Protein backbone atom coordinates (compact mmCIF):
# COMPACT_ATOMS: atom_id res chain seq x y z
CA UNK A 1 130.72 -46.02 -13.81
CA UNK A 2 129.80 -49.52 -12.69
CA UNK A 3 132.22 -52.40 -12.07
CA UNK A 4 131.67 -53.85 -15.54
CA UNK A 5 132.67 -50.64 -17.27
CA UNK A 6 135.65 -50.14 -14.97
CA UNK A 7 137.03 -53.60 -15.70
CA UNK A 8 136.47 -53.30 -19.45
CA UNK A 9 138.14 -49.88 -19.45
CA UNK A 10 141.20 -51.36 -17.78
CA UNK A 11 141.27 -54.42 -20.10
CA UNK A 12 141.01 -52.17 -23.17
CA UNK A 13 143.97 -50.11 -22.08
CA UNK A 14 145.66 -50.68 -18.77
CA UNK A 15 149.01 -49.30 -19.79
CA UNK A 16 151.22 -46.71 -18.13
CA UNK A 17 151.04 -43.67 -20.37
CA UNK A 18 152.57 -40.56 -18.81
CA UNK A 19 150.21 -37.89 -20.01
CA UNK A 20 152.29 -35.20 -18.33
CA UNK A 21 155.09 -35.94 -20.78
CA UNK A 22 152.87 -34.68 -23.58
CA UNK A 23 150.73 -31.97 -22.15
CA UNK A 24 150.82 -28.81 -20.16
CA UNK A 25 147.05 -28.76 -20.43
CA UNK A 26 145.48 -28.53 -16.98
CA UNK A 27 142.37 -30.51 -17.91
CA UNK A 28 144.43 -33.37 -19.29
CA UNK A 29 146.64 -33.52 -16.22
CA UNK A 30 143.51 -33.57 -14.10
CA UNK A 31 142.10 -36.43 -16.19
CA UNK A 32 145.25 -38.49 -15.65
CA UNK A 33 145.06 -37.88 -11.90
CA UNK A 34 141.41 -38.98 -11.81
CA UNK A 35 142.21 -42.07 -13.87
CA UNK A 36 144.90 -43.11 -11.37
CA UNK A 37 142.27 -42.77 -8.63
CA UNK A 38 139.90 -45.02 -10.63
CA UNK A 39 137.39 -42.15 -10.91
CA UNK A 40 136.68 -43.07 -14.52
CA UNK A 41 133.58 -41.02 -15.26
CA UNK A 42 135.13 -37.76 -14.04
CA UNK A 43 138.35 -38.63 -15.90
CA UNK A 44 136.33 -39.04 -19.10
CA UNK A 45 134.72 -35.63 -18.63
CA UNK A 46 138.05 -33.95 -17.84
CA UNK A 47 139.80 -35.44 -20.88
CA UNK A 48 137.03 -34.45 -23.29
CA UNK A 49 136.13 -31.09 -21.74
CA UNK A 50 138.01 -28.86 -24.19
CA UNK A 51 140.28 -30.38 -26.81
CA UNK A 52 140.16 -27.34 -29.12
CA UNK A 53 142.96 -25.56 -27.27
CA UNK A 54 145.29 -28.57 -27.13
CA UNK A 55 148.34 -28.92 -29.33
CA UNK A 56 148.61 -32.01 -31.54
CA UNK A 57 150.64 -34.00 -29.06
CA UNK A 58 148.29 -33.25 -26.18
CA UNK A 59 145.25 -34.01 -28.34
CA UNK A 60 146.65 -37.46 -29.19
CA UNK A 61 147.21 -38.16 -25.49
CA UNK A 62 143.66 -37.03 -24.67
CA UNK A 63 142.19 -39.26 -27.38
CA UNK A 64 144.28 -42.15 -26.11
CA UNK A 65 142.85 -41.72 -22.62
CA UNK A 66 139.30 -41.47 -23.95
CA UNK A 67 139.85 -44.70 -25.88
CA UNK A 68 141.02 -46.40 -22.69
CA UNK A 69 137.84 -45.27 -20.95
CA UNK A 70 135.50 -46.23 -23.81
CA UNK A 71 133.39 -49.35 -23.23
CA UNK A 72 132.04 -49.64 -26.79
CA UNK A 73 134.40 -51.63 -29.04
CA UNK A 74 133.70 -49.67 -32.22
CA UNK A 75 134.00 -46.28 -30.55
CA UNK A 76 137.27 -47.29 -28.87
CA UNK A 77 138.73 -48.48 -32.18
CA UNK A 78 137.82 -45.18 -33.85
CA UNK A 79 139.61 -43.24 -31.13
CA UNK A 80 142.68 -45.49 -31.23
CA UNK A 81 142.92 -45.06 -35.01
CA UNK A 82 142.79 -41.28 -34.65
CA UNK A 83 145.75 -41.53 -32.28
CA UNK A 84 147.58 -43.87 -34.68
CA UNK A 85 147.18 -41.25 -37.42
CA UNK A 86 148.61 -38.49 -35.22
CA UNK A 87 152.14 -37.09 -35.18
CA UNK A 88 152.64 -38.20 -31.58
CA UNK A 89 154.67 -41.32 -32.34
CA UNK A 90 154.72 -42.73 -28.82
CA UNK A 91 150.97 -42.35 -28.36
CA UNK A 92 150.40 -43.83 -31.84
CA UNK A 93 152.59 -46.80 -30.97
CA UNK A 94 150.73 -47.42 -27.72
CA UNK A 95 147.36 -47.06 -29.46
CA UNK A 96 148.37 -49.69 -32.01
CA UNK A 97 149.37 -52.06 -29.20
CA UNK A 98 146.11 -51.52 -27.31
CA UNK A 99 143.99 -51.96 -30.43
CA UNK A 100 145.85 -55.20 -31.16
CA UNK A 101 145.04 -56.57 -27.69
CA UNK A 102 141.40 -55.61 -28.27
CA UNK A 103 141.42 -57.51 -31.57
CA UNK A 104 142.93 -60.53 -29.85
CA UNK A 105 140.30 -60.47 -27.08
CA UNK A 106 137.57 -60.35 -29.73
CA UNK A 107 139.00 -63.42 -31.47
CA UNK A 108 140.45 -61.56 -34.48
CA UNK A 109 143.93 -63.09 -34.23
CA UNK A 110 144.98 -62.28 -37.78
CA UNK A 111 143.94 -58.65 -37.27
CA UNK A 112 145.88 -58.49 -34.01
CA UNK A 113 148.98 -59.92 -35.69
CA UNK A 114 148.75 -57.41 -38.55
CA UNK A 115 148.64 -54.50 -36.11
CA UNK A 116 151.51 -55.84 -34.04
CA UNK A 117 153.68 -56.36 -37.12
CA UNK A 118 153.19 -52.67 -37.99
CA UNK A 119 154.25 -51.55 -34.52
CA UNK A 120 157.60 -49.83 -34.22
CA UNK A 121 159.99 -51.12 -31.55
CA UNK A 122 159.73 -48.18 -29.20
CA UNK A 123 158.57 -47.46 -25.69
CA UNK A 124 159.22 -49.18 -22.40
CA UNK A 125 160.44 -52.72 -21.86
CA UNK A 126 156.98 -53.62 -20.60
CA UNK A 127 155.41 -52.39 -23.85
CA UNK A 128 157.89 -54.42 -25.88
CA UNK A 129 157.25 -57.54 -23.80
CA UNK A 130 153.50 -57.09 -24.09
CA UNK A 131 153.77 -56.75 -27.87
CA UNK A 132 155.95 -59.86 -28.10
CA UNK A 133 153.57 -61.82 -25.85
CA UNK A 134 150.45 -60.98 -27.86
CA UNK A 135 152.29 -61.62 -31.11
CA UNK A 136 153.15 -65.13 -29.90
CA UNK A 137 149.60 -65.69 -28.59
CA UNK A 138 148.14 -64.69 -31.95
CA UNK A 139 150.48 -67.04 -33.82
CA UNK A 140 149.50 -69.86 -31.52
CA UNK A 141 145.80 -69.25 -32.08
CA UNK A 142 146.45 -69.26 -35.82
CA UNK A 143 148.12 -72.68 -35.53
CA UNK A 144 151.78 -71.68 -35.85
CA UNK A 145 152.89 -73.41 -32.64
CA UNK A 146 156.54 -73.72 -33.60
CA UNK A 147 157.06 -70.01 -34.20
CA UNK A 148 154.88 -69.10 -31.22
CA UNK A 149 156.94 -71.29 -28.89
CA UNK A 150 160.16 -69.67 -30.10
CA UNK A 151 158.74 -66.19 -29.51
CA UNK A 152 157.44 -67.12 -26.05
CA UNK A 153 160.91 -68.44 -25.19
CA UNK A 154 162.38 -65.02 -26.00
CA UNK A 155 160.32 -63.33 -23.26
CA UNK A 156 162.53 -63.81 -20.21
CA UNK A 157 161.83 -60.73 -18.08
CA UNK A 158 159.02 -58.90 -16.37
CA UNK A 159 155.42 -59.85 -15.78
CA UNK A 160 154.98 -61.64 -19.11
CA UNK A 161 157.79 -64.13 -18.56
CA UNK A 162 155.73 -66.48 -16.37
CA UNK A 163 152.76 -66.26 -18.71
CA UNK A 164 155.09 -67.17 -21.57
CA UNK A 165 156.34 -70.27 -19.73
CA UNK A 166 152.73 -71.31 -19.16
CA UNK A 167 151.95 -70.81 -22.84
CA UNK A 168 154.94 -72.95 -23.86
CA UNK A 169 153.81 -75.63 -21.41
CA UNK A 170 150.34 -75.62 -23.00
CA UNK A 171 151.91 -76.08 -26.44
CA UNK A 172 153.95 -79.02 -25.09
CA UNK A 173 150.84 -80.58 -23.56
CA UNK A 174 148.83 -80.03 -26.74
CA UNK A 175 151.51 -81.78 -28.80
CA UNK A 176 151.88 -84.69 -26.37
CA UNK A 177 155.14 -83.70 -24.69
CA UNK A 178 153.67 -84.17 -21.23
CA UNK A 179 156.95 -84.55 -19.31
CA UNK A 180 158.23 -81.26 -20.73
CA UNK A 181 154.91 -79.58 -19.97
CA UNK A 182 154.96 -80.80 -16.36
CA UNK A 183 158.48 -79.43 -15.87
CA UNK A 184 157.42 -75.99 -17.08
CA UNK A 185 154.25 -75.98 -14.98
CA UNK A 186 156.26 -76.91 -11.89
CA UNK A 187 158.67 -74.04 -12.56
CA UNK A 188 155.87 -71.47 -12.13
CA UNK A 189 153.67 -73.35 -9.65
CA UNK A 190 154.87 -71.21 -6.73
CA UNK A 191 154.38 -67.87 -8.46
CA UNK A 192 151.18 -65.82 -8.38
CA UNK A 193 150.21 -67.81 -11.50
CA UNK A 194 150.39 -70.87 -9.24
CA UNK A 195 146.72 -71.92 -9.36
CA UNK A 196 146.74 -72.10 -13.15
CA UNK A 197 150.05 -73.96 -13.27
CA UNK A 198 149.02 -76.48 -10.60
CA UNK A 199 145.70 -77.18 -12.29
CA UNK A 200 147.32 -77.71 -15.69
CA UNK A 201 150.03 -79.87 -14.11
CA UNK A 202 147.37 -82.09 -12.53
CA UNK A 203 145.62 -82.43 -15.89
CA UNK A 204 148.90 -83.62 -17.44
CA UNK A 205 149.27 -86.20 -14.65
CA UNK A 206 145.73 -87.39 -15.40
CA UNK A 207 146.64 -87.88 -19.04
CA UNK A 208 149.67 -89.91 -17.97
CA UNK A 209 147.40 -92.15 -15.88
CA UNK A 210 148.85 -90.87 -12.58
CA UNK A 211 145.41 -90.57 -10.93
CA UNK A 212 146.59 -90.35 -7.30
CA UNK A 213 149.27 -87.77 -8.07
CA UNK A 214 146.71 -85.74 -9.99
CA UNK A 215 144.29 -85.90 -7.06
CA UNK A 216 147.02 -84.74 -4.67
CA UNK A 217 147.68 -81.74 -6.91
CA UNK A 218 144.01 -80.84 -7.18
CA UNK A 219 143.65 -81.05 -3.38
CA UNK A 220 146.75 -78.96 -2.75
CA UNK A 221 145.40 -76.34 -5.15
CA UNK A 222 142.16 -76.09 -3.17
CA UNK A 223 144.10 -75.86 0.11
CA UNK A 224 146.58 -73.22 -1.09
CA UNK A 225 144.30 -71.11 -3.29
CA UNK A 226 140.74 -71.69 -2.01
CA UNK A 227 139.40 -68.45 -3.53
CA UNK A 228 140.90 -68.95 -6.98
CA UNK A 229 138.80 -69.76 -10.03
CA UNK A 230 140.82 -72.93 -10.48
CA UNK A 231 139.80 -74.20 -7.01
CA UNK A 232 136.22 -74.70 -8.22
CA UNK A 233 137.44 -76.54 -11.29
CA UNK A 234 139.75 -78.69 -9.15
CA UNK A 235 136.83 -79.67 -6.93
CA UNK A 236 134.90 -80.68 -10.04
CA UNK A 237 137.84 -82.78 -11.23
CA UNK A 238 138.12 -84.53 -7.86
CA UNK A 239 134.46 -85.50 -7.96
CA UNK A 240 134.65 -86.71 -11.54
CA UNK A 241 137.77 -88.77 -10.80
CA UNK A 242 136.06 -90.29 -7.77
CA UNK A 243 133.02 -91.15 -9.89
CA UNK A 244 135.15 -92.80 -12.57
CA UNK A 245 137.05 -94.76 -9.90
CA UNK A 246 133.76 -96.02 -8.45
CA UNK A 247 132.59 -97.00 -11.92
CA UNK A 248 135.81 -98.92 -12.59
CA UNK A 249 135.43 -100.76 -9.28
CA UNK A 250 131.80 -101.64 -10.02
CA UNK A 251 132.70 -102.86 -13.50
CA UNK A 252 135.41 -105.08 -12.07
CA UNK A 253 133.04 -106.57 -9.51
CA UNK A 254 130.47 -107.20 -12.23
CA UNK A 255 132.90 -109.24 -14.33
CA UNK A 256 132.03 -112.95 -14.36
CA UNK A 257 128.50 -112.35 -13.02
CA UNK A 258 125.26 -113.22 -14.71
CA UNK A 259 124.68 -111.34 -17.94
CA UNK A 260 121.48 -109.79 -16.62
CA UNK A 261 123.21 -108.43 -13.49
CA UNK A 262 126.11 -107.17 -15.57
CA UNK A 263 123.77 -105.41 -17.94
CA UNK A 264 121.94 -103.77 -15.05
CA UNK A 265 125.24 -102.53 -13.66
CA UNK A 266 126.29 -101.13 -17.03
CA UNK A 267 123.01 -99.27 -17.28
CA UNK A 268 123.20 -97.89 -13.76
CA UNK A 269 126.77 -96.69 -13.42
CA UNK A 270 127.15 -94.63 -16.60
CA UNK A 271 123.83 -92.96 -15.84
CA UNK A 272 125.14 -92.05 -12.39
CA UNK A 273 128.16 -90.35 -13.92
CA UNK A 274 126.15 -88.50 -16.57
CA UNK A 275 123.59 -87.20 -14.11
CA UNK A 276 125.97 -84.67 -12.62
CA UNK A 277 125.13 -81.12 -13.56
CA UNK A 278 126.46 -77.59 -13.34
CA UNK A 279 124.85 -74.19 -13.88
CA UNK A 280 126.13 -71.98 -16.69
CA UNK A 281 125.56 -68.23 -16.49
CA UNK A 282 126.58 -67.22 -19.96
CA UNK A 283 129.50 -67.47 -22.35
CA UNK A 284 131.57 -64.39 -23.25
CA UNK A 285 134.20 -63.44 -25.78
CA UNK A 286 135.68 -60.88 -23.39
CA UNK A 287 137.06 -62.39 -20.20
CA UNK A 288 136.38 -59.09 -18.42
CA UNK A 289 132.65 -59.56 -18.96
CA UNK A 290 132.82 -63.10 -17.58
CA UNK A 291 134.67 -61.84 -14.50
CA UNK A 292 132.00 -59.24 -13.84
CA UNK A 293 129.33 -61.97 -13.80
CA UNK A 294 131.49 -64.29 -11.67
CA UNK A 295 132.07 -61.49 -9.15
CA UNK A 296 128.33 -61.02 -8.75
CA UNK A 297 127.72 -64.74 -8.41
CA UNK A 298 130.50 -64.95 -5.81
CA UNK A 299 128.32 -62.89 -3.49
CA UNK A 300 125.84 -65.78 -3.37
CA UNK A 301 127.69 -69.01 -4.26
CA UNK A 302 130.96 -70.79 -3.63
CA UNK A 303 132.75 -72.64 -6.41
CA UNK A 304 132.15 -70.01 -9.09
CA UNK A 305 134.55 -70.52 -11.98
CA UNK A 306 135.39 -69.01 -15.35
CA UNK A 307 136.36 -71.64 -17.91
CA UNK A 308 138.31 -70.77 -21.06
CA UNK A 309 137.47 -72.75 -24.20
CA UNK A 310 137.68 -72.41 -27.96
CA UNK A 311 134.94 -72.69 -30.55
CA UNK A 312 135.62 -72.34 -34.27
CA UNK A 313 138.97 -70.75 -33.49
CA UNK A 314 137.56 -68.15 -31.10
CA UNK A 315 138.48 -68.03 -27.41
CA UNK A 316 135.42 -67.85 -25.16
CA UNK A 317 134.88 -67.72 -21.40
CA UNK A 318 131.91 -69.39 -19.72
CA UNK A 319 130.80 -68.77 -16.16
CA UNK A 320 129.76 -71.85 -14.18
CA UNK A 321 128.66 -72.63 -10.64
CA UNK A 322 128.73 -75.86 -8.68
CA UNK A 323 128.41 -79.59 -9.25
CA UNK A 324 124.98 -81.08 -8.63
CA UNK A 325 123.75 -84.65 -8.34
CA UNK A 326 120.38 -83.84 -9.90
CA UNK A 327 118.62 -81.26 -12.02
CA UNK A 328 116.28 -80.57 -9.12
CA UNK A 329 119.08 -79.46 -6.78
CA UNK A 330 120.61 -77.29 -9.50
CA UNK A 331 117.22 -75.74 -10.26
CA UNK A 332 117.01 -74.41 -6.70
CA UNK A 333 120.22 -72.41 -7.17
CA UNK A 334 119.06 -71.21 -10.60
CA UNK A 335 115.98 -69.81 -8.88
CA UNK A 336 118.11 -68.22 -6.12
CA UNK A 337 120.36 -66.49 -8.66
CA UNK A 338 117.35 -65.16 -10.55
CA UNK A 339 115.62 -63.90 -7.41
CA UNK A 340 118.63 -62.44 -5.59
CA UNK A 341 120.84 -61.25 -8.48
CA UNK A 342 118.56 -61.09 -11.51
CA UNK A 343 120.86 -63.52 -13.38
CA UNK A 344 119.52 -66.39 -15.50
CA UNK A 345 121.38 -69.69 -15.56
CA UNK A 346 121.12 -72.85 -17.66
CA UNK A 347 121.51 -76.34 -16.19
CA UNK A 348 124.00 -78.35 -18.23
CA UNK A 349 125.28 -81.92 -17.78
CA UNK A 350 128.89 -82.65 -16.79
CA UNK A 351 130.55 -85.35 -18.82
């Protein structure tokens, strides 16, 4: 199985299910062992080799594993629903949670919320935290910021606690509470979510007009996390801020001059800002797919980044490379990517 399928398999269901708790079946135990080793294709074969002799509980666990390994959305959903209809309550509960995260990743926030509301409060603390986190995320995407913020605030433990603080900070920033947002971003800036928090913090400082403080944050991000996706975005921000500063300086110098000279300056400077370009190598609903493309591009380019954005209520992820002063310079890297990696890119303006 290639890298793309491995990543999607993990995104669809990276959850600690102890198959041994359900099954004495040798093939199923072998499948779990292979899955832990990341030998996904052999795990798939082992789990599906002979389900006729399994009891109901073991069959549900086998179907759950096959759903985790499935790379086709529709096929995975069918398998998860078979598990949900089984008598194995724990496996059914986990299947409902995994199907909800799939729905969320596909932009079906209402569908994700419906599944999560049906979920029984069972399982590990991590499962409960994951369910609470995706419930709050879905509410936020559906516009219920107040309730989402309250639910994020209730997640105070484990791996989802930092993500919940970041989500609350984004709600604060979205609603104009920049000081509160900055405080939350600073609280997680030194964690392994640091690059995201520092980048968002710098954006808040920009909105407050604190240009130099924002630049310091962007530079520190590049220094501390040079290989992060946010480092490429920070470099882009630094260049755009420098360009806007130059424009402001030129506009100030042009004040009081002859109208013809002023007009020439106005024509020249905005064009200089608009003529910066980047290369986009696709836009994806599943972040896992975007990461696969960015990994390949990282073999050839520096400054590869995955940018999250929303369109018509759906979260998307676009893969971009570089900042270029002209279309001609960008075109050279488009040709390199096509020749060396077989990937097609589109040159788009930065504004």
